[in-house]
PDB file of N, CA and C in Angstrom:
ATOM      1  N   MET A   1       0.874  -1.067  -0.028  1.00  0.00           N
ATOM      2  CA  MET A   1      -0.061   0.098   0.058  1.00  0.00           C
ATOM      3  C   MET A   1       0.916   1.333   0.053  1.00  0.00           C
ATOM      4  N   LYS A   2       0.579   2.289  -0.643  1.00  0.00           N
ATOM      5  CA  LYS A   2       1.224   3.388  -0.921  1.00  0.00           C
ATOM      6  C   LYS A   2       1.209   4.310   0.309  1.00  0.00           C
ATOM      7  N   SER A   3       2.062   4.900   0.860  1.00  0.00           N
ATOM      8  CA  SER A   3       2.244   5.872   2.004  1.00  0.00           C
ATOM      9  C   SER A   3       1.794   7.260   1.325  1.00  0.00           C
ATOM     10  N   PHE A   4       1.087   8.009   2.119  1.00  0.00           N
ATOM     11  CA  PHE A   4       0.844   9.351   1.864  1.00  0.00           C
ATOM     12  C   PHE A   4       1.519  10.317   2.642  1.00  0.00           C
ATOM     13  N   ASP A   5       2.113  11.244   2.154  1.00  0.00           N
ATOM     14  CA  ASP A   5       2.834  12.218   2.887  1.00  0.00           C
ATOM     15  C   ASP A   5       2.283  13.636   2.686  1.00  0.00           C
ATOM     16  N   HIS A   6       2.395  14.435   3.723  1.00  0.00           N
ATOM     17  CA  HIS A   6       1.863  15.813   3.878  1.00  0.00           C
ATOM     18  C   HIS A   6       3.136  16.711   3.955  1.00  0.00           C
ATOM     19  N   TRP A   7       3.204  17.942   3.194  1.00  0.00           N
ATOM     20  CA  TRP A   7       4.238  18.857   3.163  1.00  0.00           C
ATOM     21  C   TRP A   7       3.492  20.197   3.415  1.00  0.00           C
ATOM     22  N   GLN A   8       4.162  21.079   4.269  1.00  0.00           N
ATOM     23  CA  GLN A   8       3.841  22.354   4.375  1.00  0.00           C
ATOM     24  C   GLN A   8       4.278  23.212   3.120  1.00  0.00           C
ATOM     25  N   LEU A   9       3.577  24.105   2.485  1.00  0.00           N
ATOM     26  CA  LEU A   9       4.005  24.705   1.276  1.00  0.00           C
ATOM     27  C   LEU A   9       5.510  25.197   1.347  1.00  0.00           C
ATOM     28  N   GLN A  10       5.957  25.946   2.379  1.00  0.00           N
ATOM     29  CA  GLN A  10       7.289  26.438   2.523  1.00  0.00           C
ATOM     30  C   GLN A  10       8.315  25.199   2.375  1.00  0.00           C
ATOM     31  N   ASP A  11       8.008  24.060   3.028  1.00  0.00           N
ATOM     32  CA  ASP A  11       8.929  22.983   2.935  1.00  0.00           C
ATOM     33  C   ASP A  11       8.898  22.306   1.451  1.00  0.00           C
ATOM     34  N   ALA A  12       7.745  22.178   1.094  1.00  0.00           N
ATOM     35  CA  ALA A  12       7.565  21.617  -0.365  1.00  0.00           C
ATOM     36  C   ALA A  12       8.434  22.591  -1.370  1.00  0.00           C
ATOM     37  N   LYS A  13       8.479  23.813  -1.235  1.00  0.00           N
ATOM     38  CA  LYS A  13       9.170  24.608  -2.026  1.00  0.00           C
ATOM     39  C   LYS A  13      10.602  24.484  -2.055  1.00  0.00           C
ATOM     40  N   SER A  14      10.960  24.302  -0.647  1.00  0.00           N
ATOM     41  CA  SER A  14      12.390  24.325  -0.331  1.00  0.00           C
ATOM     42  C   SER A  14      13.078  22.966  -0.848  1.00  0.00           C
ATOM     43  N   LYS A  15      12.061  21.932  -0.956  1.00  0.00           N
ATOM     44  CA  LYS A  15      12.668  20.418  -1.052  1.00  0.00           C
ATOM     45  C   LYS A  15      11.843  19.917  -2.103  1.00  0.00           C
ATOM     46  N   LEU A  16      11.548  20.619  -3.356  1.00  0.00           N
ATOM     47  CA  LEU A  16      10.749  20.267  -4.287  1.00  0.00           C
ATOM     48  C   LEU A  16      11.381  18.893  -5.012  1.00  0.00           C
ATOM     49  N   SER A  17      12.598  18.819  -5.219  1.00  0.00           N
ATOM     50  CA  SER A  17      13.191  17.407  -5.714  1.00  0.00           C
ATOM     51  C   SER A  17      12.892  16.289  -4.762  1.00  0.00           C
ATOM     52  N   ARG A  18      12.833  16.405  -3.556  1.00  0.00           N
ATOM     53  CA  ARG A  18      12.487  15.390  -2.513  1.00  0.00           C
ATOM     54  C   ARG A  18      11.119  14.934  -2.585  1.00  0.00           C
ATOM     55  N   VAL A  19      10.180  16.101  -2.878  1.00  0.00           N
ATOM     56  CA  VAL A  19       8.865  15.884  -2.860  1.00  0.00           C
ATOM     57  C   VAL A  19       8.411  15.166  -4.231  1.00  0.00           C
ATOM     58  N   VAL A  20       9.057  15.443  -5.219  1.00  0.00           N
ATOM     59  CA  VAL A  20       8.934  14.736  -6.678  1.00  0.00           C
ATOM     60  C   VAL A  20       9.356  13.317  -6.584  1.00  0.00           C
ATOM     61  N   LYS A  21      10.492  13.061  -5.966  1.00  0.00           N
ATOM     62  CA  LYS A  21      11.028  11.833  -5.823  1.00  0.00           C
ATOM     63  C   LYS A  21      10.066  10.790  -4.844  1.00  0.00           C
ATOM     64  N   SER A  22       9.657  11.535  -3.891  1.00  0.00           N
ATOM     65  CA  SER A  22       8.667  10.770  -2.885  1.00  0.00           C
ATOM     66  C   SER A  22       7.202  10.506  -3.825  1.00  0.00           C
ATOM     67  N   ALA A  23       6.878  11.473  -4.622  1.00  0.00           N
ATOM     68  CA  ALA A  23       5.818  11.181  -5.394  1.00  0.00           C
ATOM     69  C   ALA A  23       5.767  10.018  -6.283  1.00  0.00           C
ATOM     70  N   ARG A  24       7.043   9.701  -6.685  1.00  0.00           N
ATOM     71  CA  ARG A  24       7.477   8.787  -7.768  1.00  0.00           C
ATOM     72  C   ARG A  24       7.566   7.546  -6.971  1.00  0.00           C
ATOM     73  N   THR A  25       8.166   7.457  -5.696  1.00  0.00           N
ATOM     74  CA  THR A  25       8.519   6.132  -5.228  1.00  0.00           C
ATOM     75  C   THR A  25       7.419   5.738  -3.907  1.00  0.00           C
ATOM     76  N   SER A  26       6.846   6.682  -3.437  1.00  0.00           N
ATOM     77  CA  SER A  26       5.776   6.492  -2.431  1.00  0.00           C
ATOM     78  C   SER A  26       4.301   6.989  -2.437  1.00  0.00           C
ATOM     79  N   GLY A  27       4.176   7.427  -3.648  1.00  0.00           N
ATOM     80  CA  GLY A  27       2.563   7.831  -3.925  1.00  0.00           C
ATOM     81  C   GLY A  27       2.307   9.337  -3.840  1.00  0.00           C
ATOM     82  N   PRO A  28       1.248   9.774  -3.951  1.00  0.00           N
ATOM     83  CA  PRO A  28       0.948  11.159  -3.937  1.00  0.00           C
ATOM     84  C   PRO A  28       1.461  11.898  -2.584  1.00  0.00           C
ATOM     85  N   GLN A  29       1.817  13.163  -2.779  1.00  0.00           N
ATOM     86  CA  GLN A  29       2.349  13.958  -1.737  1.00  0.00           C
ATOM     87  C   GLN A  29       1.547  15.151  -1.778  1.00  0.00           C
ATOM     88  N   PHE A  30       0.971  15.384  -0.652  1.00  0.00           N
ATOM     89  CA  PHE A  30      -0.114  16.517  -0.333  1.00  0.00           C
ATOM     90  C   PHE A  30       0.670  17.754   0.208  1.00  0.00           C
ATOM     91  N   ILE A  31       0.284  18.922  -0.368  1.00  0.00           N
ATOM     92  CA  ILE A  31       0.721  20.217  -0.032  1.00  0.00           C
ATOM     93  C   ILE A  31      -0.369  20.773   0.924  1.00  0.00           C
ATOM     94  N   THR A  32       0.113  21.298   2.058  1.00  0.00           N
ATOM     95  CA  THR A  32      -0.818  21.832   2.902  1.00  0.00           C
ATOM     96  C   THR A  32      -0.599  23.517   2.875  1.00  0.00           C
ATOM     97  N   VAL A  33      -1.615  24.276   3.286  1.00  0.00           N
ATOM     98  CA  VAL A  33      -1.352  25.711   3.513  1.00  0.00           C
ATOM     99  C   VAL A  33      -2.279  25.946   4.887  1.00  0.00           C
ATOM    100  N   HIS A  34      -1.615  26.409   5.763  1.00  0.00           N
ATOM    101  CA  HIS A  34      -2.175  26.655   7.123  1.00  0.00           C
ATOM    102  C   HIS A  34      -2.947  25.376   7.427  1.00  0.00           C
ATOM    103  N   GLY A  35      -2.420  24.232   7.254  1.00  0.00           N
ATOM    104  CA  GLY A  35      -3.033  23.085   7.881  1.00  0.00           C
ATOM    105  C   GLY A  35      -4.111  22.531   6.982  1.00  0.00           C
ATOM    106  N   HIS A  36      -4.226  23.081   5.842  1.00  0.00           N
ATOM    107  CA  HIS A  36      -5.479  22.538   4.891  1.00  0.00           C
ATOM    108  C   HIS A  36      -4.806  22.028   3.678  1.00  0.00           C
ATOM    109  N   GLU A  37      -5.291  20.871   3.224  1.00  0.00           N
ATOM    110  CA  GLU A  37      -4.585  20.454   1.941  1.00  0.00           C
ATOM    111  C   GLU A  37      -5.011  21.288   0.651  1.00  0.00           C
ATOM    112  N   GLU A  38      -4.199  21.719  -0.066  1.00  0.00           N
ATOM    113  CA  GLU A  38      -4.383  22.567  -1.158  1.00  0.00           C
ATOM    114  C   GLU A  38      -4.110  21.955  -2.441  1.00  0.00           C
ATOM    115  N   ALA A  39      -2.984  21.117  -2.299  1.00  0.00           N
ATOM    116  CA  ALA A  39      -2.545  20.604  -3.728  1.00  0.00           C
ATOM    117  C   ALA A  39      -2.009  19.282  -3.606  1.00  0.00           C
ATOM    118  N   VAL A  40      -1.652  18.492  -4.596  1.00  0.00           N
ATOM    119  CA  VAL A  40      -1.277  17.167  -4.614  1.00  0.00           C
ATOM    120  C   VAL A  40      -0.351  17.158  -5.732  1.00  0.00           C
ATOM    121  N   ILE A  41       1.051  16.460  -5.404  1.00  0.00           N
ATOM    122  CA  ILE A  41       1.931  16.104  -6.467  1.00  0.00           C
ATOM    123  C   ILE A  41       1.754  14.749  -6.747  1.00  0.00           C
ATOM    124  N   LEU A  42       1.565  14.406  -8.027  1.00  0.00           N
ATOM    125  CA  LEU A  42       1.479  12.948  -8.511  1.00  0.00           C
ATOM    126  C   LEU A  42       2.637  12.486  -9.370  1.00  0.00           C
ATOM    127  N   SER A  43       3.012  11.296  -9.310  1.00  0.00           N
ATOM    128  CA  SER A  43       4.004  10.864 -10.203  1.00  0.00           C
ATOM    129  C   SER A  43       3.265  10.780 -11.658  1.00  0.00           C
ATOM    130  N   ILE A  44       4.126  10.869 -12.707  1.00  0.00           N
ATOM    131  CA  ILE A  44       3.404  11.031 -14.024  1.00  0.00           C
ATOM    132  C   ILE A  44       2.752   9.679 -14.345  1.00  0.00           C
ATOM    133  N   ASN A  45       3.309   8.534 -13.776  1.00  0.00           N
ATOM    134  CA  ASN A  45       2.463   7.272 -13.870  1.00  0.00           C
ATOM    135  C   ASN A  45       0.979   7.343 -13.239  1.00  0.00           C
ATOM    136  N   ASP A  46       1.003   7.662 -12.056  1.00  0.00           N
ATOM    137  CA  ASP A  46      -0.356   7.909 -11.295  1.00  0.00           C
ATOM    138  C   ASP A  46      -1.208   9.001 -12.055  1.00  0.00           C
ATOM    139  N   TYR A  47      -0.557  10.044 -12.539  1.00  0.00           N
ATOM    140  CA  TYR A  47      -1.394  10.954 -13.348  1.00  0.00           C
ATOM    141  C   TYR A  47      -1.996  10.387 -14.640  1.00  0.00           C
ATOM    142  N   LYS A  48      -1.275   9.606 -15.415  1.00  0.00           N
ATOM    143  CA  LYS A  48      -1.671   8.913 -16.615  1.00  0.00           C
ATOM    144  C   LYS A  48      -2.621   7.938 -16.218  1.00  0.00           C
ATOM    145  N   ASN A  49      -2.658   7.304 -15.137  1.00  0.00           N
ATOM    146  CA  ASN A  49      -3.626   6.359 -14.907  1.00  0.00           C
ATOM    147  C   ASN A  49      -4.990   7.002 -14.553  1.00  0.00           C
ATOM    148  N   LEU A  50      -4.910   8.221 -13.984  1.00  0.00           N
ATOM    149  CA  LEU A  50      -6.229   8.984 -13.815  1.00  0.00           C
ATOM    150  C   LEU A  50      -6.913   9.292 -15.082  1.00  0.00           C
ATOM    151  N   LEU A  51      -5.988   9.647 -16.147  1.00  0.00           N
ATOM    152  CA  LEU A  51      -6.494   9.926 -17.478  1.00  0.00           C
ATOM    153  C   LEU A  51      -7.087   8.861 -18.081  1.00  0.00           C
ATOM    154  N   LYS A  52      -6.575   7.605 -17.930  1.00  0.00           N
ATOM    155  CA  LYS A  52      -7.155   6.322 -18.729  1.00  0.00           C
ATOM    156  C   LYS A  52      -8.543   6.310 -18.757  1.00  0.00           C
ATOM    157  N   ALA A  53      -9.105   5.943 -19.908  1.00  0.00           N
ATOM    158  CA  ALA A  53     -10.794   5.822 -20.029  1.00  0.00           C
ATOM    159  C   ALA A  53     -10.940   4.562 -19.167  1.00  0.00           C
ATOM    160  N   LYS A  54     -11.972   4.588 -18.515  1.00  0.00           N
ATOM    161  CA  LYS A  54     -12.493   3.595 -17.741  1.00  0.00           C
ATOM    162  C   LYS A  54     -13.626   2.656 -18.390  1.00  0.00           C
ATOM    163  N   GLY A  55     -13.725   2.987 -19.746  1.00  0.00           N
ATOM    164  CA  GLY A  55     -14.950   2.383 -20.304  1.00  0.00           C
ATOM    165  C   GLY A  55     -15.889   3.523 -20.903  1.00  0.00           C
ATOM    166  N   THR A  56     -16.941   3.027 -21.586  1.00  0.00           N
ATOM    167  CA  THR A  56     -17.819   3.913 -22.080  1.00  0.00           C
ATOM    168  C   THR A  56     -18.913   4.110 -21.098  1.00  0.00           C
ATOM    169  N   LEU A  57     -19.599   5.241 -21.558  1.00  0.00           N
ATOM    170  CA  LEU A  57     -20.768   5.647 -20.715  1.00  0.00           C
ATOM    171  C   LEU A  57     -21.771   4.543 -20.611  1.00  0.00           C
ATOM    172  N   ILE A  58     -21.867   3.809 -21.709  1.00  0.00           N
ATOM    173  CA  ILE A  58     -22.949   2.672 -21.739  1.00  0.00           C
ATOM    174  C   ILE A  58     -22.455   1.507 -20.778  1.00  0.00           C
ATOM    175  N   ASP A  59     -21.082   1.308 -20.845  1.00  0.00           N
ATOM    176  CA  ASP A  59     -20.623   0.339 -19.907  1.00  0.00           C
ATOM    177  C   ASP A  59     -20.816   0.765 -18.481  1.00  0.00           C
ATOM    178  N   PHE A  60     -20.671   2.032 -18.080  1.00  0.00           N
ATOM    179  CA  PHE A  60     -21.036   2.449 -16.663  1.00  0.00           C
ATOM    180  C   PHE A  60     -22.406   2.131 -16.282  1.00  0.00           C
ATOM    181  N   PHE A  61     -23.265   2.511 -17.250  1.00  0.00           N
ATOM    182  CA  PHE A  61     -24.675   2.454 -16.908  1.00  0.00           C
ATOM    183  C   PHE A  61     -25.093   0.889 -16.986  1.00  0.00           C
ATOM    184  N   GLN A  62     -24.398   0.090 -17.732  1.00  0.00           N
ATOM    185  CA  GLN A  62     -24.704  -1.462 -17.626  1.00  0.00           C
ATOM    186  C   GLN A  62     -24.193  -2.024 -16.578  1.00  0.00           C
ATOM    187  N   SER A  63     -23.057  -1.627 -15.784  1.00  0.00           N
ATOM    188  CA  SER A  63     -22.600  -2.149 -14.659  1.00  0.00           C
ATOM    189  C   SER A  63     -23.231  -1.486 -13.472  1.00  0.00           C
ATOM    190  N   SER A  64     -24.074  -0.754 -13.415  1.00  0.00           N
ATOM    191  CA  SER A  64     -24.934  -0.014 -12.348  1.00  0.00           C
ATOM    192  C   SER A  64     -25.599  -1.249 -11.583  1.00  0.00           C
ATOM    193  N   PRO A  65     -25.600  -0.938 -10.221  1.00  0.00           N
ATOM    194  CA  PRO A  65     -26.349  -1.948  -9.386  1.00  0.00           C
ATOM    195  C   PRO A  65     -27.808  -1.760  -9.559  1.00  0.00           C
ATOM    196  N   LEU A  66     -28.184  -0.599 -10.091  1.00  0.00           N
ATOM    197  CA  LEU A  66     -29.514  -0.222 -10.330  1.00  0.00           C
ATOM    198  C   LEU A  66     -30.120  -0.568 -11.716  1.00  0.00           C
ATOM    199  N   MET A  67     -29.163  -1.469 -12.644  1.00  0.00           N
ATOM    200  CA  MET A  67     -29.544  -1.846 -14.012  1.00  0.00           C
ATOM    201  C   MET A  67     -30.865  -2.494 -14.024  1.00  0.00           C
ATOM    202  N   ASP A  68     -31.164  -3.350 -13.192  1.00  0.00           N
ATOM    203  CA  ASP A  68     -32.375  -4.169 -13.142  1.00  0.00           C
ATOM    204  C   ASP A  68     -33.653  -3.585 -12.470  1.00  0.00           C
ATOM    205  N   VAL A  69     -33.532  -2.425 -12.036  1.00  0.00           N
ATOM    206  CA  VAL A  69     -34.555  -1.700 -11.414  1.00  0.00           C
ATOM    207  C   VAL A  69     -35.572  -1.360 -12.560  1.00  0.00           C
ATOM    208  N   ASP A  70     -36.787  -1.631 -11.969  1.00  0.00           N
ATOM    209  CA  ASP A  70     -38.006  -1.362 -12.973  1.00  0.00           C
ATOM    210  C   ASP A  70     -38.437   0.201 -12.761  1.00  0.00           C
ATOM    211  N   LEU A  71     -38.015   0.975 -13.667  1.00  0.00           N
ATOM    212  CA  LEU A  71     -38.333   2.414 -13.516  1.00  0.00           C
ATOM    213  C   LEU A  71     -39.313   2.939 -14.618  1.00  0.00           C
ATOM    214  N   SER A  72     -40.415   3.257 -14.153  1.00  0.00           N
ATOM    215  CA  SER A  72     -41.238   3.834 -15.154  1.00  0.00           C
ATOM    216  C   SER A  72     -41.088   5.470 -15.423  1.00  0.00           C
ATOM    217  N   LEU A  73     -40.742   5.518 -16.823  1.00  0.00           N
ATOM    218  CA  LEU A  73     -40.493   6.759 -17.372  1.00  0.00           C
ATOM    219  C   LEU A  73     -41.557   7.532 -18.226  1.00  0.00           C
ATOM    220  N   ASP A  74     -42.825   6.986 -18.055  1.00  0.00           N
ATOM    221  CA  ASP A  74     -44.027   7.484 -18.735  1.00  0.00           C
ATOM    222  C   ASP A  74     -44.499   8.859 -18.086  1.00  0.00           C
ATOM    223  N   ARG A  75     -44.667   9.845 -19.063  1.00  0.00           N
ATOM    224  CA  ARG A  75     -45.097  11.084 -18.588  1.00  0.00           C
ATOM    225  C   ARG A  75     -46.501  11.172 -18.447  1.00  0.00           C
ATOM    226  N   ALA A  76     -47.224  12.024 -17.522  1.00  0.00           N
ATOM    227  CA  ALA A  76     -48.396  12.137 -17.385  1.00  0.00           C
ATOM    228  C   ALA A  76     -49.128  12.807 -18.597  1.00  0.00           C
ATOM    229  N   LYS A  77     -50.298  12.290 -19.196  1.00  0.00           N
ATOM    230  CA  LYS A  77     -50.958  12.847 -20.258  1.00  0.00           C
ATOM    231  C   LYS A  77     -51.919  13.823 -20.193  1.00  0.00           C
ATOM    232  N   ASP A  78     -52.191  14.269 -19.070  1.00  0.00           N
ATOM    233  CA  ASP A  78     -53.105  15.330 -18.605  1.00  0.00           C
ATOM    234  C   ASP A  78     -52.751  16.665 -19.080  1.00  0.00           C
ATOM    235  N   TYR A  79     -53.714  17.689 -19.228  1.00  0.00           N
ATOM    236  CA  TYR A  79     -53.445  18.935 -19.724  1.00  0.00           C
ATOM    237  C   TYR A  79     -52.552  19.708 -18.648  1.00  0.00           C
ATOM    238  N   SER A  80     -51.889  20.700 -19.285  1.00  0.00           N
ATOM    239  CA  SER A  80     -51.441  21.833 -18.240  1.00  0.00           C
ATOM    240  C   SER A  80     -52.362  22.699 -17.661  1.00  0.00           C
ATOM    241  N   ARG A  81     -51.976  23.250 -16.580  1.00  0.00           N
ATOM    242  CA  ARG A  81     -52.931  23.934 -15.835  1.00  0.00           C
ATOM    243  C   ARG A  81     -52.767  25.487 -16.463  1.00  0.00           C
ATOM    244  N   ASP A  82     -53.909  26.166 -16.016  1.00  0.00           N
ATOM    245  CA  ASP A  82     -54.080  27.616 -16.575  1.00  0.00           C
ATOM    246  C   ASP A  82     -53.226  28.471 -15.500  1.00  0.00           C
ATOM    247  N   VAL A  83     -52.464  29.468 -16.088  1.00  0.00           N
ATOM    248  CA  VAL A  83     -51.697  30.331 -15.506  1.00  0.00           C
ATOM    249  C   VAL A  83     -52.253  31.659 -15.860  1.00  0.00           C
ATOM    250  N   ASP A  84     -52.403  32.578 -14.776  1.00  0.00           N
ATOM    251  CA  ASP A  84     -52.723  33.906 -15.033  1.00  0.00           C
ATOM    252  C   ASP A  84     -51.364  34.747 -15.359  1.00  0.00           C
ATOM    253  N   LEU A  85     -51.209  35.547 -16.198  1.00  0.00           N
ATOM    254  CA  LEU A  85     -50.094  36.310 -16.420  1.00  0.00           C
ATOM    255  C   LEU A  85     -50.330  37.753 -16.344  1.00  0.00           C
TER     256      LEU A  85
END
């Protein structure tokens, strides 16, 4: 399992080479500002994996756990109501 490291912004700036190396060898490196995560450094391989297509939209819907739910999509055929303008 990859370890996740947090760096304060000023430390990340002064040790950028180390942050990049850690991203490559240990996984994503989180950059914090005033204790809040603001950015993340990823290895190029992790980044490319995020960009890879995970299948088509049809594949996504067909793999849904709701695939077999009987859902009625019929619209009411009654007339619209009168609106005073």
